[in-house]
Amino acid sequence: MFVTLLIVTFVIAFAVSTIVVCIFKKPLDKILARIISDEISRVWAKYLIFAIYVTGISSGVRIWDLEKYITEPRFEGSKIVQLTSERWVLEVYRTIISTLQGVAWMLLVFFVFALVAYVIVRAFELKRQKTEPKPTT
């Protein structure tokens, strides 16, 4: 039963991460193409997609929480927590929420750094425009 729960939480975390990738792929590509106007922006976009999957799956599949279903409790008289249908629903819900939370934090950090990079790139562009001579007509 534990192995099934582990597989189900992995599949759910992967599916939720895939949905997030589908939603954010175009914005990530556009942001990176604007900040890094080179072919390397595609590579960075692929890396960010990989990071979304890793963050989502590692946040969603909480091994340390799932251990309570297979390890003997430390306290005398305590029992191993049983996997009931209510526990399954709770674990599925936790997996979805934890996956979204982990990916949201990762994307927040990315967008903060992307905003700072955009401001720097824009400042250099404005500075370059001011120093270039204006064509006479």
Protein backbone atom coordinates (compact mmCIF):
# COMPACT_ATOMS: atom_id res chain seq x y z
CA MET A 1 0.00 0.00 0.00
CA PHE A 2 2.88 2.37 0.80
CA VAL A 3 4.53 1.82 -2.58
CA THR A 4 1.24 2.58 -4.30
CA LEU A 5 0.93 5.81 -2.33
CA LEU A 6 4.48 6.76 -3.26
CA ILE A 7 3.81 6.13 -6.95
CA VAL A 8 0.49 7.99 -6.86
CA THR A 9 2.02 11.05 -5.17
CA PHE A 10 4.86 11.04 -7.72
CA VAL A 11 2.43 10.86 -10.65
CA ILE A 12 0.27 13.64 -9.18
CA ALA A 13 3.28 15.89 -8.52
CA PHE A 14 4.51 15.24 -12.06
CA ALA A 15 1.08 16.04 -13.53
CA VAL A 16 0.73 19.26 -11.52
CA SER A 17 4.25 20.29 -12.55
CA THR A 18 3.38 19.59 -16.18
CA ILE A 19 0.31 21.83 -15.94
CA VAL A 20 2.44 24.62 -14.45
CA VAL A 21 5.03 24.19 -17.23
CA CYS A 22 2.27 24.44 -19.87
CA ILE A 23 0.96 27.63 -18.28
CA PHE A 24 4.33 29.34 -17.80
CA LYS A 25 6.35 28.12 -20.81
CA LYS A 26 5.58 31.07 -23.11
CA PRO A 27 6.06 33.77 -20.45
CA LEU A 28 9.38 32.20 -19.41
CA ASP A 29 10.54 32.06 -23.04
CA LYS A 30 9.59 35.71 -23.63
CA ILE A 31 11.20 36.95 -20.44
CA LEU A 32 14.44 35.12 -21.10
CA ALA A 33 14.50 36.18 -24.75
CA ARG A 34 14.12 39.81 -23.63
CA ILE A 35 16.76 39.66 -20.91
CA ILE A 36 19.21 37.40 -22.76
CA SER A 37 18.88 38.29 -26.42
CA ASP A 38 20.90 35.33 -27.61
CA GLU A 39 20.43 31.66 -28.45
CA ILE A 40 21.39 30.78 -24.89
CA SER A 41 17.96 31.98 -23.69
CA ARG A 42 16.48 28.76 -25.07
CA VAL A 43 18.89 26.72 -22.98
CA TRP A 44 17.99 28.72 -19.87
CA ALA A 45 14.31 28.16 -20.62
CA LYS A 46 14.90 24.40 -20.80
CA TYR A 47 16.79 24.54 -17.52
CA LEU A 48 13.94 26.44 -15.85
CA ILE A 49 11.44 23.85 -17.06
CA PHE A 50 13.67 21.14 -15.62
CA ALA A 51 13.87 23.12 -12.35
CA ILE A 52 10.08 23.38 -12.24
CA TYR A 53 9.78 19.60 -12.50
CA VAL A 54 12.47 18.94 -9.89
CA THR A 55 11.05 21.50 -7.48
CA GLY A 56 7.47 20.35 -8.02
CA ILE A 57 8.19 16.66 -7.59
CA SER A 58 10.50 17.09 -4.62
CA SER A 59 7.99 19.39 -2.92
CA GLY A 60 4.99 17.20 -3.74
CA VAL A 61 6.44 13.81 -2.83
CA ARG A 62 7.28 14.37 0.82
CA ILE A 63 9.23 11.24 1.72
CA TRP A 64 9.75 12.32 5.33
CA ASP A 65 5.96 12.66 5.77
CA LEU A 66 5.25 9.34 4.07
CA GLU A 67 7.64 7.49 6.38
CA LYS A 68 4.99 7.55 9.11
CA TYR A 69 3.16 4.79 7.21
CA ILE A 70 6.07 2.32 7.40
CA THR A 71 8.23 3.17 10.43
CA GLU A 72 7.54 2.20 14.00
CA PRO A 73 6.75 5.24 16.19
CA ARG A 74 9.30 6.19 18.84
CA PHE A 75 6.78 6.43 21.66
CA GLU A 76 5.65 3.38 23.57
CA GLY A 77 2.10 2.33 22.87
CA SER A 78 1.94 4.21 19.55
CA LYS A 79 0.99 2.43 16.35
CA ILE A 80 1.96 2.87 12.73
CA VAL A 81 -0.51 5.20 11.01
CA GLN A 82 -2.89 3.22 8.80
CA LEU A 83 -3.59 4.18 5.20
CA THR A 84 -7.35 4.64 5.13
CA SER A 85 -9.37 6.23 2.34
CA GLU A 86 -9.47 9.47 4.34
CA ARG A 87 -5.67 9.43 4.58
CA TRP A 88 -5.41 8.85 0.82
CA VAL A 89 -7.56 11.90 0.13
CA LEU A 90 -5.47 13.94 2.56
CA GLU A 91 -2.19 12.78 0.99
CA VAL A 92 -3.43 13.56 -2.53
CA TYR A 93 -4.50 17.03 -1.40
CA ARG A 94 -1.16 17.60 0.35
CA THR A 95 0.69 16.50 -2.76
CA ILE A 96 -1.16 18.95 -4.99
CA ILE A 97 -0.78 21.86 -2.57
CA SER A 98 2.87 21.11 -1.78
CA THR A 99 3.74 20.83 -5.46
CA LEU A 100 2.08 24.14 -6.26
CA GLN A 101 3.66 25.81 -3.26
CA GLY A 102 7.17 24.64 -4.14
CA VAL A 103 6.86 25.68 -7.78
CA ALA A 104 5.30 29.01 -6.81
CA TRP A 105 8.28 29.84 -4.59
CA MET A 106 10.72 28.85 -7.30
CA LEU A 107 8.93 30.96 -9.90
CA LEU A 108 8.70 33.88 -7.48
CA VAL A 109 12.47 33.85 -7.00
CA PHE A 110 12.98 33.59 -10.77
CA PHE A 111 10.62 36.47 -11.52
CA VAL A 112 12.24 38.70 -8.87
CA PHE A 113 15.67 38.12 -10.41
CA ALA A 114 14.21 38.51 -13.90
CA LEU A 115 12.68 41.84 -12.90
CA VAL A 116 16.01 43.08 -11.56
CA ALA A 117 17.75 41.89 -14.73
CA TYR A 118 15.11 43.59 -16.89
CA VAL A 119 15.60 46.89 -15.07
CA ILE A 120 19.37 46.66 -15.58
CA VAL A 121 19.00 45.78 -19.28
CA ARG A 122 16.50 48.59 -19.78
CA ALA A 123 18.78 51.10 -18.03
CA PHE A 124 21.67 50.18 -20.33
CA GLU A 125 19.40 50.51 -23.37
CA LEU A 126 18.27 53.98 -22.30
CA LYS A 127 21.84 55.02 -21.60
CA ARG A 128 22.92 53.79 -25.04
CA GLN A 129 20.07 55.70 -26.70
CA LYS A 130 21.12 58.94 -24.99
CA THR A 131 24.77 58.61 -26.03
CA GLU A 132 24.07 57.74 -29.69
CA PRO A 133 23.92 60.78 -31.98
CA LYS A 134 20.48 61.50 -33.36
CA PRO A 135 20.15 61.43 -37.16
CA THR A 136 19.50 64.80 -38.77
CA THR A 137 16.71 65.17 -41.25
